[in-house]
């Protein structure tokens, strides 16, 4: 199967260090719960709402959100004194394609 660039799907979906980092970030239960909460929300969510919904202490939540952000799984946007987080859909879609291509 060829992509728009003429490469085969298998070649274009080789695992890289960025994929390993994203999967590593999701390997912690709290980060997975945070990620799923953001996915279900379908948009941006303020950190305080995540904290309230999941019952995670502020400093711990900040730590987990930063690891998810560094792994390229979420974005953050500051609005005044509030920080809003959202899923980076393109990264998630790429991970899903990678995982399903090798199964």
C-alpha atoms as a PDB file:
ATOM      1  CA  UNK A   1       0.000   0.000   0.000  1.00  0.00           C
ATOM      2  CA  UNK A   2       1.403   3.399  -0.993  1.00  0.00           C
ATOM      3  CA  UNK A   3       1.050   6.748   0.770  1.00  0.00           C
ATOM      4  CA  UNK A   4       0.641  10.094  -1.000  1.00  0.00           C
ATOM      5  CA  UNK A   5       4.418  10.498  -0.953  1.00  0.00           C
ATOM      6  CA  UNK A   6       4.933   7.182  -2.717  1.00  0.00           C
ATOM      7  CA  UNK A   7       6.394   5.335   0.258  1.00  0.00           C
ATOM      8  CA  UNK A   8       4.817   2.143   1.475  1.00  0.00           C
ATOM      9  CA  UNK A   9       2.702   2.389   4.619  1.00  0.00           C
ATOM     10  CA  UNK A  10       4.988  -0.016   6.446  1.00  0.00           C
ATOM     11  CA  UNK A  11       8.072   2.114   5.687  1.00  0.00           C
ATOM     12  CA  UNK A  12       6.420   5.379   6.708  1.00  0.00           C
ATOM     13  CA  UNK A  13       5.271   3.932  10.034  1.00  0.00           C
ATOM     14  CA  UNK A  14       8.552   2.787  11.517  1.00  0.00           C
ATOM     15  CA  UNK A  15       8.788   3.237  15.269  1.00  0.00           C
ATOM     16  CA  UNK A  16      11.057   5.983  16.525  1.00  0.00           C
ATOM     17  CA  UNK A  17      12.195   7.349  19.860  1.00  0.00           C
ATOM     18  CA  UNK A  18       9.255   9.786  19.908  1.00  0.00           C
ATOM     19  CA  UNK A  19       6.853   6.844  19.769  1.00  0.00           C
ATOM     20  CA  UNK A  20       8.650   5.094  22.611  1.00  0.00           C
ATOM     21  CA  UNK A  21       8.507   8.279  24.698  1.00  0.00           C
ATOM     22  CA  UNK A  22       4.763   8.657  24.081  1.00  0.00           C
ATOM     23  CA  UNK A  23       4.058   5.048  25.008  1.00  0.00           C
ATOM     24  CA  UNK A  24       6.289   5.370  28.079  1.00  0.00           C
ATOM     25  CA  UNK A  25       4.317   8.433  29.183  1.00  0.00           C
ATOM     26  CA  UNK A  26       1.060   6.486  28.891  1.00  0.00           C
ATOM     27  CA  UNK A  27       2.420   3.543  30.885  1.00  0.00           C
ATOM     28  CA  UNK A  28       1.570   5.198  34.228  1.00  0.00           C
ATOM     29  CA  UNK A  29      -2.021   4.753  35.455  1.00  0.00           C
ATOM     30  CA  UNK A  30      -2.496   8.393  36.511  1.00  0.00           C
ATOM     31  CA  UNK A  31      -1.187   9.702  33.180  1.00  0.00           C
ATOM     32  CA  UNK A  32      -3.404   7.268  31.314  1.00  0.00           C
ATOM     33  CA  UNK A  33      -6.422   8.472  33.321  1.00  0.00           C
ATOM     34  CA  UNK A  34      -5.512  12.124  32.623  1.00  0.00           C
ATOM     35  CA  UNK A  35      -5.098  11.352  28.937  1.00  0.00           C
ATOM     36  CA  UNK A  36      -8.442   9.523  28.738  1.00  0.00           C
ATOM     37  CA  UNK A  37     -10.149  12.424  30.536  1.00  0.00           C
ATOM     38  CA  UNK A  38      -8.771  14.831  27.927  1.00  0.00           C
ATOM     39  CA  UNK A  39      -9.802  12.539  25.063  1.00  0.00           C
ATOM     40  CA  UNK A  40     -13.351  12.253  26.427  1.00  0.00           C
ATOM     41  CA  UNK A  41     -13.603  16.018  26.853  1.00  0.00           C
ATOM     42  CA  UNK A  42     -13.090  16.546  23.124  1.00  0.00           C
ATOM     43  CA  UNK A  43     -11.416  19.918  23.607  1.00  0.00           C
ATOM     44  CA  UNK A  44      -9.418  22.069  25.985  1.00  0.00           C
ATOM     45  CA  UNK A  45      -9.749  21.438  29.710  1.00  0.00           C
ATOM     46  CA  UNK A  46      -8.434  23.672  32.506  1.00  0.00           C
ATOM     47  CA  UNK A  47      -5.998  21.977  34.874  1.00  0.00           C
ATOM     48  CA  UNK A  48      -8.320  22.643  37.829  1.00  0.00           C
ATOM     49  CA  UNK A  49     -11.104  20.686  36.162  1.00  0.00           C
ATOM     50  CA  UNK A  50      -8.787  17.737  35.575  1.00  0.00           C
ATOM     51  CA  UNK A  51      -7.672  17.884  39.199  1.00  0.00           C
ATOM     52  CA  UNK A  52     -11.247  17.955  40.464  1.00  0.00           C
ATOM     53  CA  UNK A  53     -12.444  15.169  38.170  1.00  0.00           C
ATOM     54  CA  UNK A  54      -9.592  12.790  38.944  1.00  0.00           C
ATOM     55  CA  UNK A  55      -8.736  13.753  42.531  1.00  0.00           C
ATOM     56  CA  UNK A  56      -5.020  14.156  41.838  1.00  0.00           C
ATOM     57  CA  UNK A  57      -3.036  16.596  43.986  1.00  0.00           C
ATOM     58  CA  UNK A  58      -1.973  19.777  42.175  1.00  0.00           C
ATOM     59  CA  UNK A  59       1.807  19.248  42.160  1.00  0.00           C
ATOM     60  CA  UNK A  60       1.399  15.609  41.112  1.00  0.00           C
ATOM     61  CA  UNK A  61      -1.010  16.579  38.346  1.00  0.00           C
ATOM     62  CA  UNK A  62       1.394  19.244  37.081  1.00  0.00           C
ATOM     63  CA  UNK A  63       4.183  16.660  36.944  1.00  0.00           C
ATOM     64  CA  UNK A  64       2.083  14.182  34.971  1.00  0.00           C
ATOM     65  CA  UNK A  65       0.764  16.846  32.587  1.00  0.00           C
ATOM     66  CA  UNK A  66       4.297  18.019  31.867  1.00  0.00           C
ATOM     67  CA  UNK A  67       5.441  14.467  31.049  1.00  0.00           C
ATOM     68  CA  UNK A  68       2.479  14.014  28.695  1.00  0.00           C
ATOM     69  CA  UNK A  69       3.268  17.365  27.061  1.00  0.00           C
ATOM     70  CA  UNK A  70       6.961  16.550  26.607  1.00  0.00           C
ATOM     71  CA  UNK A  71       5.962  13.228  25.052  1.00  0.00           C
ATOM     72  CA  UNK A  72       3.955  15.153  22.460  1.00  0.00           C
ATOM     73  CA  UNK A  73       0.603  13.755  23.536  1.00  0.00           C
ATOM     74  CA  UNK A  74      -1.000  16.968  24.791  1.00  0.00           C
ATOM     75  CA  UNK A  75      -0.758  20.714  24.309  1.00  0.00           C
ATOM     76  CA  UNK A  76      -1.161  23.513  26.811  1.00  0.00           C
ATOM     77  CA  UNK A  77      -2.397  27.055  26.453  1.00  0.00           C
ATOM     78  CA  UNK A  78      -2.253  29.747  29.101  1.00  0.00           C
ATOM     79  CA  UNK A  79      -5.220  32.069  29.472  1.00  0.00           C
ATOM     80  CA  UNK A  80      -4.641  34.532  32.267  1.00  0.00           C
ATOM     81  CA  UNK A  81      -3.779  32.501  35.319  1.00  0.00           C
ATOM     82  CA  UNK A  82      -5.374  29.324  33.966  1.00  0.00           C
ATOM     83  CA  UNK A  83      -3.694  26.655  31.870  1.00  0.00           C
ATOM     84  CA  UNK A  84      -5.807  24.627  29.465  1.00  0.00           C
ATOM     85  CA  UNK A  85      -4.773  21.228  28.134  1.00  0.00           C
ATOM     86  CA  UNK A  86      -5.892  19.295  25.059  1.00  0.00           C
ATOM     87  CA  UNK A  87      -4.933  16.108  23.253  1.00  0.00           C
ATOM     88  CA  UNK A  88      -2.643  16.408  20.209  1.00  0.00           C
ATOM     89  CA  UNK A  89      -4.824  14.349  17.891  1.00  0.00           C
ATOM     90  CA  UNK A  90      -2.183  14.072  15.154  1.00  0.00           C
ATOM     91  CA  UNK A  91       0.259  12.379  17.555  1.00  0.00           C
ATOM     92  CA  UNK A  92      -2.402  10.006  18.825  1.00  0.00           C
ATOM     93  CA  UNK A  93      -3.518   9.154  15.292  1.00  0.00           C
ATOM     94  CA  UNK A  94       0.079   8.402  14.323  1.00  0.00           C
ATOM     95  CA  UNK A  95       0.499   6.090  17.328  1.00  0.00           C
ATOM     96  CA  UNK A  96      -2.711   4.250  16.486  1.00  0.00           C
ATOM     97  CA  UNK A  97      -1.608   3.820  12.851  1.00  0.00           C
ATOM     98  CA  UNK A  98       1.781   2.556  13.983  1.00  0.00           C
ATOM     99  CA  UNK A  99       0.302   0.039  16.423  1.00  0.00           C
ATOM    100  CA  UNK A 100      -2.315  -1.251  14.018  1.00  0.00           C
ATOM    101  CA  UNK A 101       0.104  -1.497  11.080  1.00  0.00           C
ATOM    102  CA  UNK A 102       2.273  -4.004  12.906  1.00  0.00           C
ATOM    103  CA  UNK A 103      -0.577  -6.234  14.132  1.00  0.00           C
END
